[in-house]
Amino acid sequence: MCHIRSLAGCITIALAAAAHAQSMESLPAGMPDLAAPMPTGTPMPSGPSARSVFVGTIAALLAQGLGSALSQGLAGSITRWFNHAPPGKVAAPQAMAMPMKHDPVAGGAPHAGVAYEVHAMALDGTTHAVDPAQHVFHTGDQFQVHYRPTLPGRIEVFNINPRGSEARVDTVEVAAGQLAALGPYRFVDAKGPETLKLVLAPCASPALVAQTRGIVKAGAASGPAATPPALRIADCSDPRMRGIGAKTRTITRTTLAGSTAFALDPLSRSELTSGLISVREVRIALQHR
């Protein structure tokens, strides 16, 4: 019987996951990321691109004037965004252009969700991004999942194996736009559909806000003074946040842009007004045959 374990939290969850039958196992960390672009899958819908929506949400969260600096850093693989790539792959700083206007209620409303990539790994440690809706994994294949949320808060990750058993494999607090990773993992034992479920509980804290601001400013050399945030988000310690979990919304639509999949859901007017943002759930389906 094998188990899937987050490398970051394997010690704390080992006992809880011990009785959970899985068909994947974790592997040592530290393998290089040599992600290559892959063909675009789902055609982009009309209106703002998924990347623009991602950028606009973070810009609305902190300061409208940061939008153009963000967009300059949002090119290529998700692991290279915002100059927060793995060591040795940091891009040169870019000058800030004119600030991007953002209306938090009109057609460009902020979105909750994640951008993510599934990376298949070769035996020599090299990786390339794959479309999980099309790619078929076989027993012994290795992979990683990289993701960045549009909003700060707590993320819980669950694995649902081919038998339908579910186990939590990771819990982490991340800033908006922060790069997080799952794995590497290897497929073993039972074949069938595997699902990784990311449950996002957006909320703010001084530490997460400061970290978000550091991420988005990484690619900007200079620019106009920041304006007040256009998007309110409740503090993680707000007692009203405890009941938000009962209002979980599943994000069912995913847009593929280059090597990155965007699972985004617009915030409602009540969320924008109150700052109490409902939990979002994103499911990443993997095919193991």
Protein backbone atom coordinates (compact mmCIF):
# COMPACT_ATOMS: atom_id res chain seq x y z
CA MET A 1 0.00 0.00 0.00
CA CYS A 2 1.47 3.35 -1.03
CA HIS A 3 0.73 6.90 -0.01
CA ILE A 4 0.90 10.40 -1.50
CA ARG A 5 2.60 12.90 0.82
CA SER A 6 3.48 16.55 0.47
CA LEU A 7 7.22 16.98 0.83
CA ALA A 8 6.66 20.16 2.87
CA GLY A 9 4.25 18.54 5.32
CA CYS A 10 5.00 14.80 5.19
CA ILE A 11 6.03 14.56 8.85
CA THR A 12 2.87 16.18 10.24
CA ILE A 13 0.41 14.26 8.08
CA ALA A 14 2.11 10.85 7.97
CA LEU A 15 -0.03 9.38 10.75
CA ALA A 16 -3.28 10.81 9.35
CA ALA A 17 -2.55 9.48 5.88
CA ALA A 18 -1.25 6.08 6.94
CA ALA A 19 -4.56 4.31 6.39
CA HIS A 20 -5.24 5.95 3.04
CA ALA A 21 -4.61 3.75 -0.02
CA GLN A 22 -3.03 5.72 -2.85
CA SER A 23 -1.59 5.17 -6.26
CA MET A 24 1.16 7.80 -6.10
CA GLU A 25 4.25 8.19 -3.93
CA SER A 26 6.39 11.23 -3.19
CA LEU A 27 9.94 11.58 -4.44
CA PRO A 28 12.99 13.54 -3.28
CA ALA A 29 12.91 17.27 -4.01
CA GLY A 30 15.50 19.32 -5.83
CA MET A 31 14.98 18.16 -9.41
CA PRO A 32 15.58 20.92 -11.99
CA ASP A 33 12.74 22.67 -13.80
CA LEU A 34 13.29 22.84 -17.55
CA ALA A 35 9.69 23.43 -18.53
CA ALA A 36 9.02 23.73 -22.25
CA PRO A 37 6.00 25.49 -23.78
CA MET A 38 3.15 23.30 -24.94
CA PRO A 39 0.43 23.97 -27.52
CA THR A 40 -2.53 26.00 -26.37
CA GLY A 41 -5.59 23.85 -25.64
CA THR A 42 -8.94 25.53 -25.01
CA PRO A 43 -9.34 28.65 -27.19
CA MET A 44 -9.24 31.88 -25.20
CA PRO A 45 -12.68 33.43 -24.69
CA SER A 46 -13.49 36.93 -25.89
CA GLY A 47 -12.79 39.75 -23.47
CA PRO A 48 -9.84 40.05 -21.07
CA SER A 49 -7.34 37.20 -21.25
CA ALA A 50 -6.92 34.86 -18.29
CA ARG A 51 -3.47 36.32 -17.65
CA SER A 52 -4.93 39.84 -17.61
CA VAL A 53 -7.61 38.76 -15.13
CA PHE A 54 -4.92 37.19 -12.93
CA VAL A 55 -2.81 40.36 -13.08
CA GLY A 56 -5.79 42.65 -12.53
CA THR A 57 -6.91 40.82 -9.41
CA ILE A 58 -3.54 41.20 -7.68
CA ALA A 59 -3.29 44.81 -8.86
CA ALA A 60 -6.74 45.53 -7.39
CA LEU A 61 -5.75 43.85 -4.14
CA LEU A 62 -2.72 46.06 -3.56
CA ALA A 63 -2.58 49.12 -5.82
CA GLN A 64 -3.97 49.85 -9.26
CA GLY A 65 -0.70 51.37 -10.44
CA LEU A 66 1.12 48.02 -10.16
CA GLY A 67 -0.78 46.42 -13.03
CA SER A 68 1.63 47.09 -15.87
CA ALA A 69 4.63 45.96 -13.82
CA LEU A 70 2.82 42.70 -13.12
CA SER A 71 1.99 42.08 -16.75
CA GLN A 72 5.63 42.47 -17.76
CA GLY A 73 6.54 39.65 -15.41
CA LEU A 74 3.73 37.32 -16.47
CA ALA A 75 5.41 35.65 -19.45
CA GLY A 76 6.56 32.09 -20.04
CA SER A 77 6.27 29.27 -17.54
CA ILE A 78 4.52 29.90 -14.22
CA THR A 79 7.79 29.12 -12.42
CA ARG A 80 9.38 32.24 -13.94
CA TRP A 81 6.71 34.84 -13.12
CA PHE A 82 7.54 37.93 -11.02
CA ASN A 83 11.26 37.11 -10.92
CA HIS A 84 10.47 34.52 -8.25
CA ALA A 85 11.76 31.62 -10.32
CA PRO A 86 14.06 28.85 -9.05
CA PRO A 87 17.67 30.00 -8.34
CA GLY A 88 19.66 30.82 -11.47
CA LYS A 89 16.59 31.62 -13.57
CA VAL A 90 15.79 35.15 -12.43
CA ALA A 91 14.88 37.56 -15.21
CA ALA A 92 16.27 41.07 -15.43
CA PRO A 93 14.15 43.83 -13.86
CA GLN A 94 11.73 45.62 -16.19
CA ALA A 95 10.80 49.28 -16.14
CA MET A 96 7.22 50.09 -15.12
CA ALA A 97 4.98 51.41 -17.88
CA MET A 98 1.80 53.46 -17.48
CA PRO A 99 -0.46 52.28 -14.64
CA MET A 100 -3.37 49.98 -15.53
CA LYS A 101 -6.87 51.17 -14.72
CA HIS A 102 -8.97 48.64 -12.89
CA ASP A 103 -12.67 48.72 -11.99
CA PRO A 104 -13.41 46.13 -9.26
CA VAL A 105 -17.12 45.92 -10.11
CA ALA A 106 -17.34 46.32 -13.89
CA GLY A 107 -16.46 43.71 -16.52
CA GLY A 108 -12.90 43.38 -15.15
CA ALA A 109 -13.99 42.19 -11.70
CA PRO A 110 -11.34 40.50 -9.55
CA HIS A 111 -11.32 36.70 -9.59
CA ALA A 112 -10.56 34.08 -6.98
CA GLY A 113 -8.68 30.99 -8.11
CA VAL A 114 -5.29 29.72 -9.21
CA ALA A 115 -2.98 29.48 -12.17
CA TYR A 116 -1.27 26.10 -12.33
CA GLU A 117 0.92 23.83 -14.41
CA VAL A 118 1.41 20.07 -14.32
CA HIS A 119 5.00 19.11 -15.14
CA ALA A 120 5.90 15.59 -16.27
CA MET A 121 9.39 14.54 -15.15
CA ALA A 122 11.88 12.41 -17.02
CA LEU A 123 14.24 9.96 -15.34
CA ASP A 124 17.12 12.43 -15.71
CA GLY A 125 15.21 15.05 -13.71
CA THR A 126 14.25 17.31 -16.62
CA THR A 127 10.60 18.40 -16.81
CA HIS A 128 8.09 19.70 -19.31
CA ALA A 129 4.60 21.11 -18.84
CA VAL A 130 1.70 18.93 -20.00
CA ASP A 131 -2.04 19.42 -20.38
CA PRO A 132 -3.54 17.14 -17.69
CA ALA A 133 -6.76 16.88 -19.70
CA GLN A 134 -4.84 15.24 -22.57
CA HIS A 135 -1.69 13.70 -21.09
CA VAL A 136 -1.78 10.07 -19.96
CA PHE A 137 0.53 9.02 -17.12
CA HIS A 138 1.72 5.44 -16.71
CA THR A 139 2.92 3.53 -13.66
CA GLY A 140 6.38 4.79 -12.74
CA ASP A 141 5.87 8.24 -14.33
CA GLN A 142 6.82 11.24 -12.20
CA PHE A 143 5.26 14.70 -12.02
CA GLN A 144 5.03 17.98 -10.11
CA VAL A 145 2.28 20.61 -9.84
CA HIS A 146 3.17 24.31 -9.61
CA TYR A 147 0.48 26.85 -8.74
CA ARG A 148 -0.04 30.51 -7.84
CA PRO A 149 -3.25 31.91 -6.28
CA THR A 150 -4.80 35.24 -7.24
CA LEU A 151 -5.57 36.07 -3.60
CA PRO A 152 -3.68 35.45 -0.35
CA GLY A 153 -4.92 32.99 2.23
CA ARG A 154 -4.91 29.34 3.27
CA ILE A 155 -4.76 26.48 0.77
CA GLU A 156 -5.51 22.88 1.64
CA VAL A 157 -4.60 20.16 -0.85
CA PHE A 158 -6.36 16.79 -1.01
CA ASN A 159 -5.72 13.70 -3.11
CA ILE A 160 -8.59 11.52 -4.33
CA ASN A 161 -7.29 8.15 -5.53
CA PRO A 162 -8.87 5.79 -8.09
CA ARG A 163 -10.77 4.04 -5.29
CA GLY A 164 -12.45 7.30 -4.33
CA SER A 165 -10.59 7.66 -1.03
CA GLU A 166 -9.66 11.23 -0.09
CA ALA A 167 -6.77 12.40 2.11
CA ARG A 168 -5.32 15.81 2.89
CA VAL A 169 -1.71 16.04 1.77
CA ASP A 170 -0.82 19.68 2.43
CA THR A 171 -1.94 22.87 4.21
CA VAL A 172 -0.12 26.13 3.56
CA GLU A 173 -0.62 29.89 3.75
CA VAL A 174 0.43 31.67 0.57
CA ALA A 175 0.55 35.25 -0.64
CA ALA A 176 -1.20 36.43 -3.79
CA GLY A 177 0.91 35.38 -6.78
CA GLN A 178 3.27 33.28 -4.66
CA LEU A 179 4.66 30.15 -6.29
CA ALA A 180 3.85 26.92 -4.45
CA ALA A 181 4.62 23.35 -5.52
CA LEU A 182 3.35 19.84 -4.95
CA GLY A 183 5.57 16.82 -5.38
CA PRO A 184 7.51 15.42 -7.04
CA TYR A 185 5.31 12.32 -7.05
CA ARG A 186 5.46 8.95 -8.82
CA PHE A 187 2.46 6.91 -10.00
CA VAL A 188 2.33 3.42 -8.45
CA ASP A 189 -0.20 0.65 -7.83
CA ALA A 190 -3.88 1.22 -8.70
CA LYS A 191 -4.65 2.72 -12.09
CA GLY A 192 -7.52 5.06 -12.88
CA PRO A 193 -8.45 8.74 -12.46
CA GLU A 194 -6.42 10.64 -9.88
CA THR A 195 -7.58 14.03 -8.60
CA LEU A 196 -5.73 16.74 -6.72
CA LYS A 197 -8.19 19.11 -5.01
CA LEU A 198 -7.04 22.61 -4.03
CA VAL A 199 -9.33 24.34 -1.51
CA LEU A 200 -8.65 28.09 -1.34
CA ALA A 201 -9.75 30.16 1.67
CA PRO A 202 -8.85 33.77 0.75
CA CYS A 203 -7.96 36.08 3.62
CA ALA A 204 -5.36 38.71 4.47
CA SER A 205 -2.73 39.19 7.15
CA PRO A 206 0.10 41.74 7.47
CA ALA A 207 2.66 39.06 6.59
CA LEU A 208 0.78 37.85 3.49
CA VAL A 209 0.15 41.41 2.26
CA ALA A 210 3.81 42.33 2.69
CA GLN A 211 4.89 39.19 0.86
CA THR A 212 2.43 39.87 -1.98
CA ARG A 213 3.73 43.41 -2.35
CA GLY A 214 7.30 42.13 -2.53
CA ILE A 215 6.35 39.65 -5.26
CA VAL A 216 4.61 42.15 -7.53
CA LYS A 217 7.33 44.78 -7.17
CA ALA A 218 10.09 42.34 -8.15
CA GLY A 219 9.90 43.29 -11.83
CA ALA A 220 9.39 47.05 -11.46
CA ALA A 221 12.29 49.47 -11.35
CA SER A 222 10.19 52.57 -10.70
CA GLY A 223 6.67 53.89 -11.04
CA PRO A 224 4.00 56.22 -9.72
CA ALA A 225 2.94 56.19 -6.09
CA ALA A 226 0.52 53.41 -5.25
CA THR A 227 -3.15 54.27 -4.86
CA PRO A 228 -5.32 52.78 -2.09
CA PRO A 229 -6.31 49.14 -2.65
CA ALA A 230 -9.39 48.69 -4.84
CA LEU A 231 -10.21 45.30 -3.35
CA ARG A 232 -11.04 44.64 0.29
CA ILE A 233 -10.34 41.24 1.81
CA ALA A 234 -11.09 40.18 5.39
CA ASP A 235 -8.30 39.48 7.84
CA CYS A 236 -7.54 35.81 8.46
CA SER A 237 -8.27 36.35 12.17
CA ASP A 238 -11.76 37.76 11.46
CA PRO A 239 -14.22 35.44 13.28
CA ARG A 240 -16.67 35.82 10.39
CA MET A 241 -14.25 33.85 8.21
CA ARG A 242 -15.02 30.66 10.16
CA GLY A 243 -18.39 30.21 8.45
CA ILE A 244 -17.10 30.85 4.95
CA GLY A 245 -16.14 27.19 4.45
CA ALA A 246 -19.81 26.24 4.18
CA LYS A 247 -20.06 28.41 1.06
CA THR A 248 -17.45 26.61 -1.03
CA ARG A 249 -17.74 27.26 -4.76
CA THR A 250 -16.26 24.77 -7.23
CA ILE A 251 -14.46 26.34 -10.19
CA THR A 252 -15.40 24.18 -13.15
CA ARG A 253 -14.04 26.21 -16.09
CA THR A 254 -10.33 26.15 -16.85
CA THR A 255 -8.61 28.14 -19.59
CA LEU A 256 -5.30 26.95 -21.01
CA ALA A 257 -2.91 29.71 -22.12
CA GLY A 258 0.43 28.37 -23.29
CA SER A 259 1.70 26.03 -20.59
CA THR A 260 -0.50 27.50 -17.86
CA ALA A 261 -4.05 26.57 -16.86
CA PHE A 262 -6.16 29.28 -15.22
CA ALA A 263 -9.04 28.26 -12.93
CA LEU A 264 -10.68 31.57 -12.04
CA ASP A 265 -14.07 32.58 -10.63
CA PRO A 266 -15.28 36.23 -10.48
CA LEU A 267 -16.02 37.70 -7.09
CA SER A 268 -19.65 38.56 -6.46
CA ARG A 269 -20.82 42.06 -5.54
CA SER A 270 -21.48 40.92 -1.98
CA GLU A 271 -17.91 39.57 -1.72
CA LEU A 272 -16.51 42.83 -3.08
CA THR A 273 -18.60 44.86 -0.66
CA SER A 274 -18.02 42.82 2.49
CA GLY A 275 -14.49 41.55 1.89
CA LEU A 276 -15.69 38.10 2.99
CA ILE A 277 -14.66 35.90 0.06
CA SER A 278 -16.11 32.41 -0.16
CA VAL A 279 -13.87 29.37 -0.35
CA ARG A 280 -13.08 28.19 -3.87
CA GLU A 281 -12.28 24.62 -4.88
CA VAL A 282 -10.19 23.64 -7.90
CA ARG A 283 -9.84 20.03 -9.04
CA ILE A 284 -6.90 18.89 -11.18
CA ALA A 285 -7.69 15.57 -12.84
CA LEU A 286 -4.80 13.27 -13.80
CA GLN A 287 -5.05 10.17 -15.99
CA HIS A 288 -3.15 7.09 -14.76
CA ARG A 289 -3.34 4.09 -17.11
